[in-house]
Structure formats: structure tokens, C-alpha cells
Amino acid sequence: MLVTVRDNIISFIDFFHKPFAKWIKVQTFRYLACGGSNTVMDILLYFISYNFILMKQPVHVMGLTITPHIAAFIMSFSISFPTGFALAKYIVFQESTLRGRVQLFRYAVLVCTCIILNYVFLKLFVETFLWYPTPSKIVTTIIVAVYSYISQRNFTFKVKPVMAE
């Protein structure tokens, strides 16, 4: 029998879930593992983009100037978005009864909301509170991750109740 990448990821995560099984549901643990890994990757990509690719300099595109912390967010998000959707769909919320296109549409709506939240919080923390960009990104990520989990579980990948016949 051919073992898929998905099966290997699930087996790996579930192995570490066993000691916590009494306190945390497997779906929540998988979300924490997948979301946590994707978040760490996102923050690492943000840090590298901001400090080494952009060199803390603004980006000028078609007469528009994008601040380096927002440009770094765009760069890291362009990678973490598809990775996050794949992990959520195929690892965490695989029991969802919604069609894939509905999930994708709802995920896109959620992502748009998360982009706005990221933008607003980064602007607030960096430009108003004068925090450093990377800690600002970490705090922003925590706030947005909590919102995202609740939204994904109850909206994007929800399980429709089965109607009795």
C-alpha cells in the first residue's frame, strides 16, 4: 500500500498527540502543529525578507511606495497562504463535508480578512506604538491565528450536519 505524504504527516503529528490525548482533541492538536509550523515558517520568511532581501528598505512599485515591513509581510504571506490552506484542508479539517471550491472560496474570504487584520495590526504596532517589526509580526500573528482557527473550524471547513432520512 502506498503511503502518502499526508498519511506520514498525520502519523507524525498523531505520535506526538498521544501524551496530550486526555487534554486536547486530535483536531485541535493537528491545528496547533500545522498552524504552528506554518506560522514559524511565515515569521522566519518575514524576518529573512525584511532584513536580508529588502534590507529594511521600502519597495517602489509603479509610483507606489510600500514600507519594508508591509512588503515583507506580502512576501512571506505569498508562501504561507497556500501552505496553510493545504495543511488545513488535508490534515486538520479533512472531515469537512463542504465541497472543495466552497472551502477555497471561504478560505479566500478568511484570508482577505486576515490580510486586513495583519495590515492594521502591523501599521498600529510599528508606526503608532513604535515597536520593532519582528516582535510586531509575532503579536499580530498570535491575534490573527486565534481568529483564524475559530473561523476555519466554524465557517471555512465546517462539517454540515447529516440530515436523518
Protein backbone atom coordinates (compact mmCIF):
# COMPACT_ATOMS: atom_id res chain seq x y z
CA MET A 1 0.00 0.00 0.00
CA LEU A 2 1.31 3.39 -1.00
CA VAL A 3 1.76 5.73 1.95
CA THR A 4 1.09 9.33 1.03
CA VAL A 5 2.80 12.44 2.32
CA ARG A 6 -0.48 13.31 4.03
CA ASP A 7 -0.52 9.98 5.88
CA ASN A 8 3.08 10.49 7.00
CA ILE A 9 2.34 13.99 8.30
CA ILE A 10 -0.75 12.79 10.16
CA SER A 11 1.14 9.84 11.67
CA PHE A 12 3.96 12.12 12.77
CA ILE A 13 1.61 14.65 14.40
CA ASP A 14 -0.58 11.98 15.99
CA PHE A 15 2.50 10.30 17.51
CA PHE A 16 3.19 13.48 19.48
CA HIS A 17 -0.50 13.87 20.33
CA LYS A 18 -0.65 10.64 22.36
CA PRO A 19 0.70 12.13 25.64
CA PHE A 20 -1.79 15.01 25.36
CA ALA A 21 -4.81 12.97 24.20
CA LYS A 22 -6.63 13.29 27.55
CA TRP A 23 -6.48 17.10 27.46
CA ILE A 24 -6.67 18.14 23.82
CA LYS A 25 -8.68 16.81 20.89
CA VAL A 26 -6.72 15.44 17.94
CA GLN A 27 -8.12 18.07 15.55
CA THR A 28 -7.03 20.93 17.82
CA PHE A 29 -3.60 19.34 18.24
CA ARG A 30 -3.24 18.93 14.48
CA TYR A 31 -4.26 22.57 14.01
CA LEU A 32 -1.67 23.67 16.55
CA ALA A 33 1.02 21.54 14.90
CA CYS A 34 0.20 22.54 11.32
CA GLY A 35 -0.66 26.13 12.11
CA GLY A 36 2.34 26.45 14.42
CA SER A 37 4.73 25.06 11.82
CA ASN A 38 3.27 27.28 9.11
CA THR A 39 3.43 30.28 11.43
CA VAL A 40 7.07 29.65 12.34
CA MET A 41 7.85 29.36 8.62
CA ASP A 42 5.91 32.59 7.96
CA ILE A 43 7.76 34.51 10.68
CA LEU A 44 11.12 33.16 9.50
CA LEU A 45 10.31 34.16 5.91
CA TYR A 46 9.17 37.59 7.16
CA PHE A 47 12.43 38.07 9.09
CA ILE A 48 14.57 37.00 6.13
CA SER A 49 12.56 39.12 3.70
CA TYR A 50 12.65 42.21 5.89
CA ASN A 51 16.29 42.03 6.97
CA PHE A 52 18.13 40.34 4.10
CA ILE A 53 16.06 40.58 0.91
CA LEU A 54 14.59 44.05 1.38
CA MET A 55 17.44 45.21 3.62
CA LYS A 56 14.87 47.23 5.63
CA GLN A 57 14.30 49.47 2.59
CA PRO A 58 10.93 50.49 1.11
CA VAL A 59 9.80 48.97 -2.17
CA HIS A 60 8.77 51.22 -5.05
CA VAL A 61 6.25 49.72 -7.47
CA MET A 62 4.52 51.76 -10.21
CA GLY A 63 4.81 55.02 -8.30
CA LEU A 64 3.68 53.43 -5.03
CA THR A 65 5.99 53.12 -2.04
CA ILE A 66 5.48 50.09 0.16
CA THR A 67 7.06 50.18 3.61
CA PRO A 68 9.54 47.35 4.21
CA HIS A 69 7.52 45.73 6.99
CA ILE A 70 4.43 45.54 4.75
CA ALA A 71 6.44 44.31 1.74
CA ALA A 72 7.99 41.59 3.93
CA PHE A 73 4.50 40.59 5.04
CA ILE A 74 3.37 40.29 1.40
CA MET A 75 6.40 38.17 0.57
CA SER A 76 6.03 35.78 3.49
CA PHE A 77 2.26 35.56 3.10
CA SER A 78 2.51 34.58 -0.56
CA ILE A 79 4.18 31.36 0.58
CA SER A 80 2.38 30.68 3.85
CA PHE A 81 -1.12 31.12 2.35
CA PRO A 82 -1.13 28.11 0.00
CA THR A 83 0.79 26.02 2.52
CA GLY A 84 -1.71 26.91 5.25
CA PHE A 85 -4.71 26.04 3.07
CA ALA A 86 -3.26 22.67 2.09
CA LEU A 87 -2.45 21.77 5.69
CA ALA A 88 -5.88 22.87 6.92
CA LYS A 89 -7.79 21.06 4.17
CA TYR A 90 -5.85 17.80 4.05
CA ILE A 91 -4.51 17.42 7.60
CA VAL A 92 -6.63 19.32 10.11
CA PHE A 93 -10.16 19.61 8.75
CA GLN A 94 -10.28 16.60 6.44
CA GLU A 95 -13.72 15.55 7.74
CA SER A 96 -15.33 18.70 6.34
CA THR A 97 -18.33 17.89 4.20
CA LEU A 98 -18.15 21.11 2.20
CA ARG A 99 -17.09 20.97 -1.44
CA GLY A 100 -13.50 21.94 -2.16
CA ARG A 101 -14.47 25.03 -4.13
CA VAL A 102 -16.66 26.23 -1.24
CA GLN A 103 -13.78 25.67 1.15
CA LEU A 104 -11.42 27.56 -1.14
CA PHE A 105 -13.85 30.47 -1.51
CA ARG A 106 -14.43 30.65 2.24
CA TYR A 107 -10.70 30.33 2.88
CA ALA A 108 -10.10 33.22 0.48
CA VAL A 109 -12.66 35.34 2.36
CA LEU A 110 -10.98 34.43 5.64
CA VAL A 111 -7.56 35.20 4.16
CA CYS A 112 -8.74 38.63 2.97
CA THR A 113 -9.92 39.36 6.49
CA CYS A 114 -6.61 38.11 7.89
CA ILE A 115 -4.66 40.28 5.44
CA ILE A 116 -6.60 43.33 6.61
CA LEU A 117 -6.03 42.38 10.25
CA ASN A 118 -2.31 41.83 9.61
CA TYR A 119 -2.02 45.16 7.83
CA VAL A 120 -3.90 47.08 10.52
CA PHE A 121 -2.03 45.50 13.44
CA LEU A 122 1.40 45.85 11.78
CA LYS A 123 0.71 49.50 11.00
CA LEU A 124 -0.53 50.06 14.55
CA PHE A 125 2.33 48.29 16.30
CA VAL A 126 5.20 49.52 14.10
CA GLU A 127 4.09 53.02 13.17
CA THR A 128 1.95 54.06 16.15
CA PHE A 129 3.40 52.10 19.07
CA LEU A 130 6.93 52.21 17.52
CA TRP A 131 7.58 48.53 18.21
CA TYR A 132 10.25 46.64 16.28
CA PRO A 133 8.81 44.95 13.15
CA THR A 134 9.57 41.31 14.02
CA PRO A 135 8.00 41.37 17.53
CA SER A 136 5.09 43.27 15.99
CA LYS A 137 4.68 40.46 13.47
CA ILE A 138 4.72 37.86 16.25
CA VAL A 139 2.00 39.62 18.28
CA THR A 140 -0.04 40.19 15.14
CA THR A 141 0.30 36.53 14.21
CA ILE A 142 -0.99 35.36 17.60
CA ILE A 143 -4.08 37.59 17.37
CA VAL A 144 -4.82 36.59 13.78
CA ALA A 145 -4.17 32.87 14.45
CA VAL A 146 -6.81 32.71 17.19
CA TYR A 147 -9.31 34.45 14.93
CA SER A 148 -8.36 32.17 12.04
CA TYR A 149 -8.78 28.91 13.99
CA ILE A 150 -12.24 29.84 15.19
CA SER A 151 -13.25 30.93 11.69
CA GLN A 152 -11.84 27.85 9.98
CA ARG A 153 -13.48 25.44 12.39
CA ASN A 154 -16.89 27.13 12.31
CA PHE A 155 -17.01 28.54 8.77
CA THR A 156 -14.38 27.55 6.22
CA PHE A 157 -14.13 23.82 6.94
CA LYS A 158 -17.27 23.23 8.94
CA VAL A 159 -19.00 19.89 8.89
CA LYS A 160 -22.58 20.06 7.69
CA PRO A 161 -24.93 18.11 9.94
CA VAL A 162 -26.20 14.95 8.29
CA MET A 163 -29.95 15.02 7.75
CA ALA A 164 -31.86 11.99 9.00
CA GLU A 165 -33.83 10.22 6.31
